[in-house]
Amino acid sequence: MTTWLNVPYSEKDKAKALGCRWDTYYRQWWKPEAIDINNLPIHWHLREGQRWSNSKRGAEVVPKRAR
């Protein structure tokens, strides 16, 4: 299951260094399963049921694409 993250643009280099990945289709950061979510900044986490808005796609989206 993919764990999606809200990483601010200003912190993209930190996300890369911690092993997070950028999904070019959804234009959203995600965490590989090998990375412990507790090692990532809490403000990157999506709360249960929270959706992120992808303005380029024109709507709020909950991605379902599996890795």
C-alpha atoms as a PDB file:
ATOM      1  CA  MET A   1       0.000   0.000   0.000  1.00  0.00           C
ATOM      2  CA  THR A   2       1.301   3.429  -0.929  1.00  0.00           C
ATOM      3  CA  THR A   3       1.694   5.968   1.847  1.00  0.00           C
ATOM      4  CA  TRP A   4       1.195   9.431   0.397  1.00  0.00           C
ATOM      5  CA  LEU A   5       2.850  12.497   1.927  1.00  0.00           C
ATOM      6  CA  ASN A   6       2.314  16.263   1.901  1.00  0.00           C
ATOM      7  CA  VAL A   7       5.862  17.486   1.415  1.00  0.00           C
ATOM      8  CA  PRO A   8       6.214  21.251   0.897  1.00  0.00           C
ATOM      9  CA  TYR A   9       8.264  22.211  -2.157  1.00  0.00           C
ATOM     10  CA  SER A  10      10.804  23.900   0.102  1.00  0.00           C
ATOM     11  CA  GLU A  11      11.487  20.496   1.731  1.00  0.00           C
ATOM     12  CA  LYS A  12      11.740  18.382  -1.445  1.00  0.00           C
ATOM     13  CA  ASP A  13      15.509  17.894  -1.089  1.00  0.00           C
ATOM     14  CA  LYS A  14      15.047  16.632   2.467  1.00  0.00           C
ATOM     15  CA  ALA A  15      12.356  14.210   1.241  1.00  0.00           C
ATOM     16  CA  LYS A  16      14.735  12.872  -1.413  1.00  0.00           C
ATOM     17  CA  ALA A  17      17.519  12.460   1.154  1.00  0.00           C
ATOM     18  CA  LEU A  18      15.174  10.485   3.428  1.00  0.00           C
ATOM     19  CA  GLY A  19      14.273   8.122   0.568  1.00  0.00           C
ATOM     20  CA  CYS A  20      10.815   9.429  -0.337  1.00  0.00           C
ATOM     21  CA  ARG A  21       9.771   9.293  -3.967  1.00  0.00           C
ATOM     22  CA  TRP A  22       7.933  11.656  -6.303  1.00  0.00           C
ATOM     23  CA  ASP A  23       5.060  10.247  -8.363  1.00  0.00           C
ATOM     24  CA  THR A  24       5.049  12.083 -11.693  1.00  0.00           C
ATOM     25  CA  TYR A  25       1.481  11.071 -12.586  1.00  0.00           C
ATOM     26  CA  TYR A  26      -0.163  12.150  -9.316  1.00  0.00           C
ATOM     27  CA  ARG A  27       2.452  14.853  -8.675  1.00  0.00           C
ATOM     28  CA  GLN A  28       2.641  13.767  -5.052  1.00  0.00           C
ATOM     29  CA  TRP A  29       5.328  12.464  -2.696  1.00  0.00           C
ATOM     30  CA  TRP A  30       5.086   8.912  -1.353  1.00  0.00           C
ATOM     31  CA  LYS A  31       6.982   6.738   1.105  1.00  0.00           C
ATOM     32  CA  PRO A  32       8.381   3.343   0.098  1.00  0.00           C
ATOM     33  CA  GLU A  33       7.414   0.564   2.534  1.00  0.00           C
ATOM     34  CA  ALA A  34      11.041   0.101   3.623  1.00  0.00           C
ATOM     35  CA  ILE A  35      11.060   3.587   5.191  1.00  0.00           C
ATOM     36  CA  ASP A  36       9.668   3.944   8.711  1.00  0.00           C
ATOM     37  CA  ILE A  37       7.036   6.697   8.720  1.00  0.00           C
ATOM     38  CA  ASN A  38       8.127   7.650  12.239  1.00  0.00           C
ATOM     39  CA  ASN A  39      11.437   8.862  10.764  1.00  0.00           C
ATOM     40  CA  LEU A  40       9.634  11.447   8.627  1.00  0.00           C
ATOM     41  CA  PRO A  41       8.504  14.882   9.838  1.00  0.00           C
ATOM     42  CA  ILE A  42       4.999  14.720  11.297  1.00  0.00           C
ATOM     43  CA  HIS A  43       3.761  17.639   9.182  1.00  0.00           C
ATOM     44  CA  TRP A  44       4.299  15.509   6.046  1.00  0.00           C
ATOM     45  CA  HIS A  45       1.825  12.841   7.205  1.00  0.00           C
ATOM     46  CA  LEU A  46      -1.719  12.712   5.882  1.00  0.00           C
ATOM     47  CA  ARG A  47      -4.221  12.107   8.653  1.00  0.00           C
ATOM     48  CA  GLU A  48      -6.587   9.136   8.361  1.00  0.00           C
ATOM     49  CA  GLY A  49      -9.125   9.896   5.646  1.00  0.00           C
ATOM     50  CA  GLN A  50      -7.445  13.181   4.701  1.00  0.00           C
ATOM     51  CA  ARG A  51      -7.318  13.960   1.014  1.00  0.00           C
ATOM     52  CA  TRP A  52      -4.768  16.017  -0.801  1.00  0.00           C
ATOM     53  CA  SER A  53      -5.680  18.433  -3.522  1.00  0.00           C
ATOM     54  CA  ASN A  54      -4.034  18.052  -6.900  1.00  0.00           C
ATOM     55  CA  SER A  55      -4.852  21.313  -8.622  1.00  0.00           C
ATOM     56  CA  LYS A  56      -3.312  20.196 -11.928  1.00  0.00           C
ATOM     57  CA  ARG A  57      -5.800  17.313 -12.105  1.00  0.00           C
ATOM     58  CA  GLY A  58      -8.638  19.654 -11.076  1.00  0.00           C
ATOM     59  CA  ALA A  59     -10.041  17.826  -8.048  1.00  0.00           C
ATOM     60  CA  GLU A  60      -9.274  16.331  -4.683  1.00  0.00           C
ATOM     61  CA  VAL A  61      -7.891  12.860  -5.191  1.00  0.00           C
ATOM     62  CA  VAL A  62      -7.186   9.845  -3.044  1.00  0.00           C
ATOM     63  CA  PRO A  63      -4.676   7.872  -5.107  1.00  0.00           C
ATOM     64  CA  LYS A  64      -5.273   4.135  -5.290  1.00  0.00           C
ATOM     65  CA  ARG A  65      -2.440   3.089  -7.578  1.00  0.00           C
ATOM     66  CA  ALA A  66      -0.440   0.330  -5.880  1.00  0.00           C
ATOM     67  CA  ARG A  67       3.329   0.174  -5.903  1.00  0.00           C
END
